Amino acid sequence: MSLIIDPSKELEAALKMQARAEGLDTPEYARRLLERALGIDESSAQSNDLHSQTGPDKAQSFERWAAGHPKRPPLPDSAFQRENMIRDAE
């Protein structure tokens, strides 16, 4: 099915910016937004059936789930140093 939407310039710019931030093209990002808004997100529907999936199928489900999250830069090594995680009581 194809769907034509005539967004305002502001909406189009916002969609493009958010899609780029998540590493997706604009149509894919818009499709995922619609799925979430309608409660038919593919990754959540598939996660309900994980107990019957094989190892490779579970890996594919995980990859799809992870792809739906925004791309973030990795944490620096200093984030994992004890003194940066635990503040001793003084």
PDB file of N, CA and C in Angstrom:
ATOM      1  N   MET A   1       0.847  -1.177   0.000  1.00  0.00           N
ATOM      2  CA  MET A   1       0.000   0.000   0.000  1.00  0.00           C
ATOM      3  C   MET A   1       0.889   1.236   0.000  1.00  0.00           C
ATOM      4  N   SER A   2       0.545   2.181  -0.779  1.00  0.00           N
ATOM      5  CA  SER A   2       1.235   3.469  -0.773  1.00  0.00           C
ATOM      6  C   SER A   2       0.320   4.507  -0.160  1.00  0.00           C
ATOM      7  N   LEU A   3       0.936   5.448   0.528  1.00  0.00           N
ATOM      8  CA  LEU A   3       0.183   6.486   1.196  1.00  0.00           C
ATOM      9  C   LEU A   3       0.874   7.803   0.911  1.00  0.00           C
ATOM     10  N   ILE A   4       0.124   8.780   0.467  1.00  0.00           N
ATOM     11  CA  ILE A   4       0.688  10.099   0.183  1.00  0.00           C
ATOM     12  C   ILE A   4       0.225  11.062   1.259  1.00  0.00           C
ATOM     13  N   ILE A   5       1.192  11.691   1.910  1.00  0.00           N
ATOM     14  CA  ILE A   5       0.902  12.666   2.960  1.00  0.00           C
ATOM     15  C   ILE A   5       1.538  13.978   2.544  1.00  0.00           C
ATOM     16  N   ASP A   6       0.809  15.061   2.703  1.00  0.00           N
ATOM     17  CA  ASP A   6       1.316  16.383   2.348  1.00  0.00           C
ATOM     18  C   ASP A   6       1.627  17.152   3.635  1.00  0.00           C
ATOM     19  N   PRO A   7       2.835  16.931   4.206  1.00  0.00           N
ATOM     20  CA  PRO A   7       3.155  17.582   5.474  1.00  0.00           C
ATOM     21  C   PRO A   7       3.530  19.046   5.282  1.00  0.00           C
ATOM     22  N   SER A   8       3.404  19.813   6.353  1.00  0.00           N
ATOM     23  CA  SER A   8       3.878  21.195   6.307  1.00  0.00           C
ATOM     24  C   SER A   8       5.397  21.167   6.189  1.00  0.00           C
ATOM     25  N   LYS A   9       5.991  22.279   5.833  1.00  0.00           N
ATOM     26  CA  LYS A   9       7.450  22.328   5.700  1.00  0.00           C
ATOM     27  C   LYS A   9       8.120  22.053   7.044  1.00  0.00           C
ATOM     28  N   GLU A  10       7.513  22.539   8.129  1.00  0.00           N
ATOM     29  CA  GLU A  10       8.077  22.315   9.453  1.00  0.00           C
ATOM     30  C   GLU A  10       8.050  20.833   9.819  1.00  0.00           C
ATOM     31  N   LEU A  11       6.924  20.173   9.536  1.00  0.00           N
ATOM     32  CA  LEU A  11       6.796  18.753   9.831  1.00  0.00           C
ATOM     33  C   LEU A  11       7.780  17.948   8.988  1.00  0.00           C
ATOM     34  N   GLU A  12       7.895  18.276   7.730  1.00  0.00           N
ATOM     35  CA  GLU A  12       8.825  17.566   6.853  1.00  0.00           C
ATOM     36  C   GLU A  12      10.260  17.721   7.345  1.00  0.00           C
ATOM     37  N   ALA A  13      10.629  18.931   7.733  1.00  0.00           N
ATOM     38  CA  ALA A  13      11.987  19.175   8.229  1.00  0.00           C
ATOM     39  C   ALA A  13      12.238  18.388   9.517  1.00  0.00           C
ATOM     40  N   ALA A  14      11.248  18.371  10.407  1.00  0.00           N
ATOM     41  CA  ALA A  14      11.395  17.634  11.665  1.00  0.00           C
ATOM     42  C   ALA A  14      11.515  16.136  11.417  1.00  0.00           C
ATOM     43  N   LEU A  15      10.699  15.603  10.501  1.00  0.00           N
ATOM     44  CA  LEU A  15      10.784  14.174  10.170  1.00  0.00           C
ATOM     45  C   LEU A  15      12.162  13.829   9.616  1.00  0.00           C
ATOM     46  N   LYS A  16      12.657  14.653   8.701  1.00  0.00           N
ATOM     47  CA  LYS A  16      13.973  14.396   8.103  1.00  0.00           C
ATOM     48  C   LYS A  16      15.072  14.449   9.155  1.00  0.00           C
ATOM     49  N   MET A  17      14.992  15.418  10.048  1.00  0.00           N
ATOM     50  CA  MET A  17      16.019  15.573  11.070  1.00  0.00           C
ATOM     51  C   MET A  17      16.015  14.373  12.027  1.00  0.00           C
ATOM     52  N   GLN A  18      14.821  13.953  12.475  1.00  0.00           N
ATOM     53  CA  GLN A  18      14.733  12.818  13.390  1.00  0.00           C
ATOM     54  C   GLN A  18      15.156  11.524  12.703  1.00  0.00           C
ATOM     55  N   ALA A  19      14.759  11.355  11.450  1.00  0.00           N
ATOM     56  CA  ALA A  19      15.147  10.149  10.702  1.00  0.00           C
ATOM     57  C   ALA A  19      16.662  10.077  10.579  1.00  0.00           C
ATOM     58  N   ARG A  20      17.268  11.189  10.231  1.00  0.00           N
ATOM     59  CA  ARG A  20      18.729  11.242  10.094  1.00  0.00           C
ATOM     60  C   ARG A  20      19.393  10.919  11.424  1.00  0.00           C
ATOM     61  N   ALA A  21      18.850  11.452  12.517  1.00  0.00           N
ATOM     62  CA  ALA A  21      19.419  11.216  13.838  1.00  0.00           C
ATOM     63  C   ALA A  21      19.367   9.738  14.228  1.00  0.00           C
ATOM     64  N   GLU A  22      18.366   9.014  13.719  1.00  0.00           N
ATOM     65  CA  GLU A  22      18.238   7.596  14.034  1.00  0.00           C
ATOM     66  C   GLU A  22      18.851   6.704  12.965  1.00  0.00           C
ATOM     67  N   GLY A  23      19.461   7.319  11.946  1.00  0.00           N
ATOM     68  CA  GLY A  23      20.115   6.543  10.898  1.00  0.00           C
ATOM     69  C   GLY A  23      19.155   5.862   9.943  1.00  0.00           C
ATOM     70  N   LEU A  24      17.977   6.448   9.764  1.00  0.00           N
ATOM     71  CA  LEU A  24      16.958   5.874   8.883  1.00  0.00           C
ATOM     72  C   LEU A  24      16.621   6.859   7.773  1.00  0.00           C
ATOM     73  N   ASP A  25      16.068   6.327   6.678  1.00  0.00           N
ATOM     74  CA  ASP A  25      15.545   7.263   5.681  1.00  0.00           C
ATOM     75  C   ASP A  25      14.168   7.729   6.156  1.00  0.00           C
ATOM     76  N   THR A  26      13.713   8.844   5.614  1.00  0.00           N
ATOM     77  CA  THR A  26      12.488   9.473   6.108  1.00  0.00           C
ATOM     78  C   THR A  26      11.259   8.577   5.980  1.00  0.00           C
ATOM     79  N   PRO A  27      11.036   7.886   4.854  1.00  0.00           N
ATOM     80  CA  PRO A  27       9.848   7.017   4.774  1.00  0.00           C
ATOM     81  C   PRO A  27       9.860   5.895   5.823  1.00  0.00           C
ATOM     82  N   GLU A  28      11.026   5.298   6.058  1.00  0.00           N
ATOM     83  CA  GLU A  28      11.111   4.231   7.061  1.00  0.00           C
ATOM     84  C   GLU A  28      10.832   4.779   8.455  1.00  0.00           C
ATOM     85  N   TYR A  29      11.374   5.942   8.754  1.00  0.00           N
ATOM     86  CA  TYR A  29      11.139   6.563  10.060  1.00  0.00           C
ATOM     87  C   TYR A  29       9.645   6.871  10.235  1.00  0.00           C
ATOM     88  N   ALA A  30       9.016   7.416   9.209  1.00  0.00           N
ATOM     89  CA  ALA A  30       7.584   7.743   9.279  1.00  0.00           C
ATOM     90  C   ALA A  30       6.751   6.474   9.457  1.00  0.00           C
ATOM     91  N   ARG A  31       7.134   5.389   8.782  1.00  0.00           N
ATOM     92  CA  ARG A  31       6.412   4.119   8.922  1.00  0.00           C
ATOM     93  C   ARG A  31       6.494   3.621  10.357  1.00  0.00           C
ATOM     94  N   ARG A  32       7.686   3.702  10.951  1.00  0.00           N
ATOM     95  CA  ARG A  32       7.851   3.244  12.334  1.00  0.00           C
ATOM     96  C   ARG A  32       7.054   4.110  13.309  1.00  0.00           C
ATOM     97  N   LEU A  33       7.005   5.414  13.039  1.00  0.00           N
ATOM     98  CA  LEU A  33       6.197   6.296  13.887  1.00  0.00           C
ATOM     99  C   LEU A  33       4.729   5.893  13.842  1.00  0.00           C
ATOM    100  N   LEU A  34       4.236   5.627  12.650  1.00  0.00           N
ATOM    101  CA  LEU A  34       2.835   5.214  12.508  1.00  0.00           C
ATOM    102  C   LEU A  34       2.577   3.895  13.227  1.00  0.00           C
ATOM    103  N   GLU A  35       3.492   2.930  13.091  1.00  0.00           N
ATOM    104  CA  GLU A  35       3.317   1.647  13.763  1.00  0.00           C
ATOM    105  C   GLU A  35       3.243   1.830  15.279  1.00  0.00           C
ATOM    106  N   ARG A  36       4.149   2.655  15.822  1.00  0.00           N
ATOM    107  CA  ARG A  36       4.148   2.888  17.265  1.00  0.00           C
ATOM    108  C   ARG A  36       2.855   3.588  17.693  1.00  0.00           C
ATOM    109  N   ALA A  37       2.431   4.578  16.920  1.00  0.00           N
ATOM    110  CA  ALA A  37       1.228   5.335  17.266  1.00  0.00           C
ATOM    111  C   ALA A  37      -0.018   4.447  17.249  1.00  0.00           C
ATOM    112  N   LEU A  38      -0.035   3.465  16.362  1.00  0.00           N
ATOM    113  CA  LEU A  38      -1.183   2.576  16.247  1.00  0.00           C
ATOM    114  C   LEU A  38      -1.055   1.318  17.103  1.00  0.00           C
ATOM    115  N   GLY A  39       0.081   1.179  17.775  1.00  0.00           N
ATOM    116  CA  GLY A  39       0.281   0.020  18.639  1.00  0.00           C
ATOM    117  C   GLY A  39       0.527  -1.269  17.907  1.00  0.00           C
ATOM    118  N   ILE A  40       1.052  -1.179  16.696  1.00  0.00           N
ATOM    119  CA  ILE A  40       1.331  -2.392  15.924  1.00  0.00           C
ATOM    120  C   ILE A  40       2.805  -2.480  15.557  1.00  0.00           C
ATOM    121  N   ASP A  41       3.652  -2.069  16.477  1.00  0.00           N
ATOM    122  CA  ASP A  41       5.086  -2.111  16.279  1.00  0.00           C
ATOM    123  C   ASP A  41       5.506  -3.558  16.032  1.00  0.00           C
ATOM    124  N   GLU A  42       6.166  -3.823  14.900  1.00  0.00           N
ATOM    125  CA  GLU A  42       6.549  -5.183  14.530  1.00  0.00           C
ATOM    126  C   GLU A  42       7.445  -5.829  15.571  1.00  0.00           C
ATOM    127  N   SER A  43       8.399  -5.088  16.105  1.00  0.00           N
ATOM    128  CA  SER A  43       9.338  -5.695  17.052  1.00  0.00           C
ATOM    129  C   SER A  43       8.638  -6.153  18.322  1.00  0.00           C
ATOM    130  N   SER A  44       7.629  -5.394  18.799  1.00  0.00           N
ATOM    131  CA  SER A  44       6.929  -5.823  20.009  1.00  0.00           C
ATOM    132  C   SER A  44       6.034  -7.023  19.715  1.00  0.00           C
ATOM    133  N   ALA A  45       5.447  -7.076  18.533  1.00  0.00           N
ATOM    134  CA  ALA A  45       4.617  -8.221  18.188  1.00  0.00           C
ATOM    135  C   ALA A  45       5.458  -9.483  18.084  1.00  0.00           C
ATOM    136  N   GLN A  46       6.664  -9.361  17.537  1.00  0.00           N
ATOM    137  CA  GLN A  46       7.525 -10.521  17.392  1.00  0.00           C
ATOM    138  C   GLN A  46       8.125 -10.943  18.716  1.00  0.00           C
ATOM    139  N   SER A  47       8.344 -10.002  19.636  1.00  0.00           N
ATOM    140  CA  SER A  47       8.957 -10.350  20.909  1.00  0.00           C
ATOM    141  C   SER A  47       8.044 -11.254  21.728  1.00  0.00           C
ATOM    142  N   ASN A  48       6.724 -11.210  21.488  1.00  0.00           N
ATOM    143  CA  ASN A  48       5.792 -12.065  22.214  1.00  0.00           C
ATOM    144  C   ASN A  48       5.963 -13.533  21.827  1.00  0.00           C
ATOM    145  N   ASP A  49       6.596 -13.786  20.687  1.00  0.00           N
ATOM    146  CA  ASP A  49       6.731 -15.142  20.183  1.00  0.00           C
ATOM    147  C   ASP A  49       8.170 -15.646  20.315  1.00  0.00           C
ATOM    148  N   LEU A  50       8.991 -15.034  21.170  1.00  0.00           N
ATOM    149  CA  LEU A  50      10.398 -15.408  21.273  1.00  0.00           C
ATOM    150  C   LEU A  50      10.599 -16.834  21.769  1.00  0.00           C
ATOM    151  N   HIS A  51       9.720 -17.339  22.625  1.00  0.00           N
ATOM    152  CA  HIS A  51       9.913 -18.679  23.175  1.00  0.00           C
ATOM    153  C   HIS A  51       9.863 -19.758  22.101  1.00  0.00           C
ATOM    154  N   SER A  52       9.210 -19.504  20.986  1.00  0.00           N
ATOM    155  CA  SER A  52       9.113 -20.509  19.934  1.00  0.00           C
ATOM    156  C   SER A  52      10.127 -20.286  18.811  1.00  0.00           C
ATOM    157  N   GLN A  53      10.991 -19.281  18.941  1.00  0.00           N
ATOM    158  CA  GLN A  53      11.962 -18.996  17.889  1.00  0.00           C
ATOM    159  C   GLN A  53      13.256 -19.760  18.105  1.00  0.00           C
ATOM    160  N   THR A  54      13.949 -20.020  16.999  1.00  0.00           N
ATOM    161  CA  THR A  54      15.265 -20.639  17.072  1.00  0.00           C
ATOM    162  C   THR A  54      16.296 -19.565  17.379  1.00  0.00           C
ATOM    163  N   GLY A  55      17.525 -19.963  17.645  1.00  0.00           N
ATOM    164  CA  GLY A  55      18.594 -19.014  17.941  1.00  0.00           C
ATOM    165  C   GLY A  55      18.766 -17.949  16.862  1.00  0.00           C
ATOM    166  N   PRO A  56      18.899 -18.342  15.583  1.00  0.00           N
ATOM    167  CA  PRO A  56      19.056 -17.323  14.531  1.00  0.00           C
ATOM    168  C   PRO A  56      17.847 -16.392  14.414  1.00  0.00           C
ATOM    169  N   ASP A  57      16.640 -16.930  14.645  1.00  0.00           N
ATOM    170  CA  ASP A  57      15.441 -16.089  14.586  1.00  0.00           C
ATOM    171  C   ASP A  57      15.436 -15.080  15.728  1.00  0.00           C
ATOM    172  N   LYS A  58      15.879 -15.531  16.916  1.00  0.00           N
ATOM    173  CA  LYS A  58      15.968 -14.614  18.053  1.00  0.00           C
ATOM    174  C   LYS A  58      16.994 -13.518  17.771  1.00  0.00           C
ATOM    175  N   ALA A  59      18.094 -13.898  17.135  1.00  0.00           N
ATOM    176  CA  ALA A  59      19.119 -12.902  16.791  1.00  0.00           C
ATOM    177  C   ALA A  59      18.558 -11.870  15.823  1.00  0.00           C
ATOM    178  N   GLN A  60      17.793 -12.319  14.831  1.00  0.00           N
ATOM    179  CA  GLN A  60      17.177 -11.381  13.884  1.00  0.00           C
ATOM    180  C   GLN A  60      16.178 -10.475  14.585  1.00  0.00           C
ATOM    181  N   SER A  61      15.407 -11.014  15.501  1.00  0.00           N
ATOM    182  CA  SER A  61      14.448 -10.198  16.250  1.00  0.00           C
ATOM    183  C   SER A  61      15.187  -9.139  17.065  1.00  0.00           C
ATOM    184  N   PHE A  62      16.291  -9.546  17.671  1.00  0.00           N
ATOM    185  CA  PHE A  62      17.077  -8.593  18.449  1.00  0.00           C
ATOM    186  C   PHE A  62      17.634  -7.498  17.542  1.00  0.00           C
ATOM    187  N   GLU A  63      18.150  -7.857  16.387  1.00  0.00           N
ATOM    188  CA  GLU A  63      18.696  -6.863  15.453  1.00  0.00           C
ATOM    189  C   GLU A  63      17.621  -5.873  15.026  1.00  0.00           C
ATOM    190  N   ARG A  64      16.408  -6.366  14.742  1.00  0.00           N
ATOM    191  CA  ARG A  64      15.313  -5.459  14.364  1.00  0.00           C
ATOM    192  C   ARG A  64      14.962  -4.533  15.520  1.00  0.00           C
ATOM    193  N   TRP A  65      14.922  -5.097  16.726  1.00  0.00           N
ATOM    194  CA  TRP A  65      14.620  -4.293  17.913  1.00  0.00           C
ATOM    195  C   TRP A  65      15.688  -3.220  18.112  1.00  0.00           C
ATOM    196  N   ALA A  66      16.934  -3.603  18.010  1.00  0.00           N
ATOM    197  CA  ALA A  66      18.033  -2.648  18.218  1.00  0.00           C
ATOM    198  C   ALA A  66      18.038  -1.570  17.139  1.00  0.00           C
ATOM    199  N   ALA A  67      17.684  -1.917  15.914  1.00  0.00           N
ATOM    200  CA  ALA A  67      17.670  -0.939  14.820  1.00  0.00           C
ATOM    201  C   ALA A  67      16.612   0.133  15.042  1.00  0.00           C
ATOM    202  N   GLY A  68      15.618  -0.155  15.838  1.00  0.00           N
ATOM    203  CA  GLY A  68      14.559   0.814  16.105  1.00  0.00           C
ATOM    204  C   GLY A  68      14.921   1.850  17.151  1.00  0.00           C
ATOM    205  N   HIS A  69      16.111   1.744  17.711  1.00  0.00           N
ATOM    206  CA  HIS A  69      16.542   2.692  18.736  1.00  0.00           C
ATOM    207  C   HIS A  69      17.503   3.716  18.143  1.00  0.00           C
ATOM    208  N   PRO A  70      17.534   4.902  18.704  1.00  0.00           N
ATOM    209  CA  PRO A  70      18.430   5.935  18.179  1.00  0.00           C
ATOM    210  C   PRO A  70      19.889   5.525  18.310  1.00  0.00           C
ATOM    211  N   LYS A  71      20.685   5.965  17.350  1.00  0.00           N
ATOM    212  CA  LYS A  71      22.126   5.718  17.385  1.00  0.00           C
ATOM    213  C   LYS A  71      22.743   6.661  18.407  1.00  0.00           C
ATOM    214  N   ARG A  72      23.555   6.135  19.280  1.00  0.00           N
ATOM    215  CA  ARG A  72      24.230   6.930  20.299  1.00  0.00           C
ATOM    216  C   ARG A  72      25.729   6.679  20.195  1.00  0.00           C
ATOM    217  N   PRO A  73      26.531   7.689  20.491  1.00  0.00           N
ATOM    218  CA  PRO A  73      27.978   7.461  20.476  1.00  0.00           C
ATOM    219  C   PRO A  73      28.363   6.543  21.636  1.00  0.00           C
ATOM    220  N   PRO A  74      29.437   5.777  21.476  1.00  0.00           N
ATOM    221  CA  PRO A  74      29.845   4.897  22.564  1.00  0.00           C
ATOM    222  C   PRO A  74      30.335   5.695  23.771  1.00  0.00           C
ATOM    223  N   LEU A  75      30.209   5.102  24.947  1.00  0.00           N
ATOM    224  CA  LEU A  75      30.693   5.755  26.159  1.00  0.00           C
ATOM    225  C   LEU A  75      32.219   5.699  26.188  1.00  0.00           C
ATOM    226  N   PRO A  76      32.855   6.731  26.747  1.00  0.00           N
ATOM    227  CA  PRO A  76      34.316   6.700  26.862  1.00  0.00           C
ATOM    228  C   PRO A  76      34.734   5.691  27.939  1.00  0.00           C
ATOM    229  N   ASP A  77      35.971   5.229  27.878  1.00  0.00           N
ATOM    230  CA  ASP A  77      36.473   4.271  28.862  1.00  0.00           C
ATOM    231  C   ASP A  77      36.353   4.810  30.285  1.00  0.00           C
ATOM    232  N   SER A  78      36.501   6.108  30.444  1.00  0.00           N
ATOM    233  CA  SER A  78      36.437   6.700  31.778  1.00  0.00           C
ATOM    234  C   SER A  78      35.067   6.488  32.434  1.00  0.00           C
ATOM    235  N   ALA A  79      34.033   6.258  31.642  1.00  0.00           N
ATOM    236  CA  ALA A  79      32.704   6.035  32.202  1.00  0.00           C
ATOM    237  C   ALA A  79      32.635   4.733  32.989  1.00  0.00           C
ATOM    238  N   PHE A  80      33.581   3.827  32.760  1.00  0.00           N
ATOM    239  CA  PHE A  80      33.570   2.529  33.423  1.00  0.00           C
ATOM    240  C   PHE A  80      34.587   2.433  34.558  1.00  0.00           C
ATOM    241  N   GLN A  81      35.230   3.531  34.884  1.00  0.00           N
ATOM    242  CA  GLN A  81      36.176   3.536  35.992  1.00  0.00           C
ATOM    243  C   GLN A  81      35.407   3.673  37.298  1.00  0.00           C
ATOM    244  N   ARG A  82      35.864   2.931  38.317  1.00  0.00           N
ATOM    245  CA  ARG A  82      35.167   2.881  39.591  1.00  0.00           C
ATOM    246  C   ARG A  82      34.900   4.271  40.157  1.00  0.00           C
ATOM    247  N   GLU A  83      35.892   5.123  40.132  1.00  0.00           N
ATOM    248  CA  GLU A  83      35.729   6.439  40.742  1.00  0.00           C
ATOM    249  C   GLU A  83      34.696   7.309  40.034  1.00  0.00           C
ATOM    250  N   ASN A  84      34.355   6.970  38.805  1.00  0.00           N
ATOM    251  CA  ASN A  84      33.345   7.724  38.079  1.00  0.00           C
ATOM    252  C   ASN A  84      31.945   7.113  38.233  1.00  0.00           C
ATOM    253  N   MET A  85      31.877   5.903  38.797  1.00  0.00           N
ATOM    254  CA  MET A  85      30.579   5.251  38.990  1.00  0.00           C
ATOM    255  C   MET A  85      30.122   5.303  40.436  1.00  0.00           C
ATOM    256  N   ILE A  86      31.056   5.155  41.364  1.00  0.00           N
ATOM    257  CA  ILE A  86      30.695   5.051  42.769  1.00  0.00           C
ATOM    258  C   ILE A  86      31.334   6.197  43.535  1.00  0.00           C
ATOM    259  N   ARG A  87      30.516   6.948  44.191  1.00  0.00           N
ATOM    260  CA  ARG A  87      31.000   8.027  45.033  1.00  0.00           C
ATOM    261  C   ARG A  87      30.997   7.524  46.472  1.00  0.00           C
ATOM    262  N   ASP A  88      32.178   7.388  47.050  1.00  0.00           N
ATOM    263  CA  ASP A  88      32.280   6.924  48.440  1.00  0.00           C
ATOM    264  C   ASP A  88      31.723   7.986  49.373  1.00  0.00           C
ATOM    265  N   ALA A  89      31.061   7.530  50.413  1.00  0.00           N
ATOM    266  CA  ALA A  89      30.529   8.456  51.400  1.00  0.00           C
ATOM    267  C   ALA A  89      31.690   9.112  52.137  1.00  0.00           C
ATOM    268  N   GLU A  90      31.562  10.393  52.356  1.00  0.00           N
ATOM    269  CA  GLU A  90      32.637  11.114  53.032  1.00  0.00           C
ATOM    270  C   GLU A  90      32.372  11.264  54.501  1.00  0.00           C
TER     271      GLU A  90
END
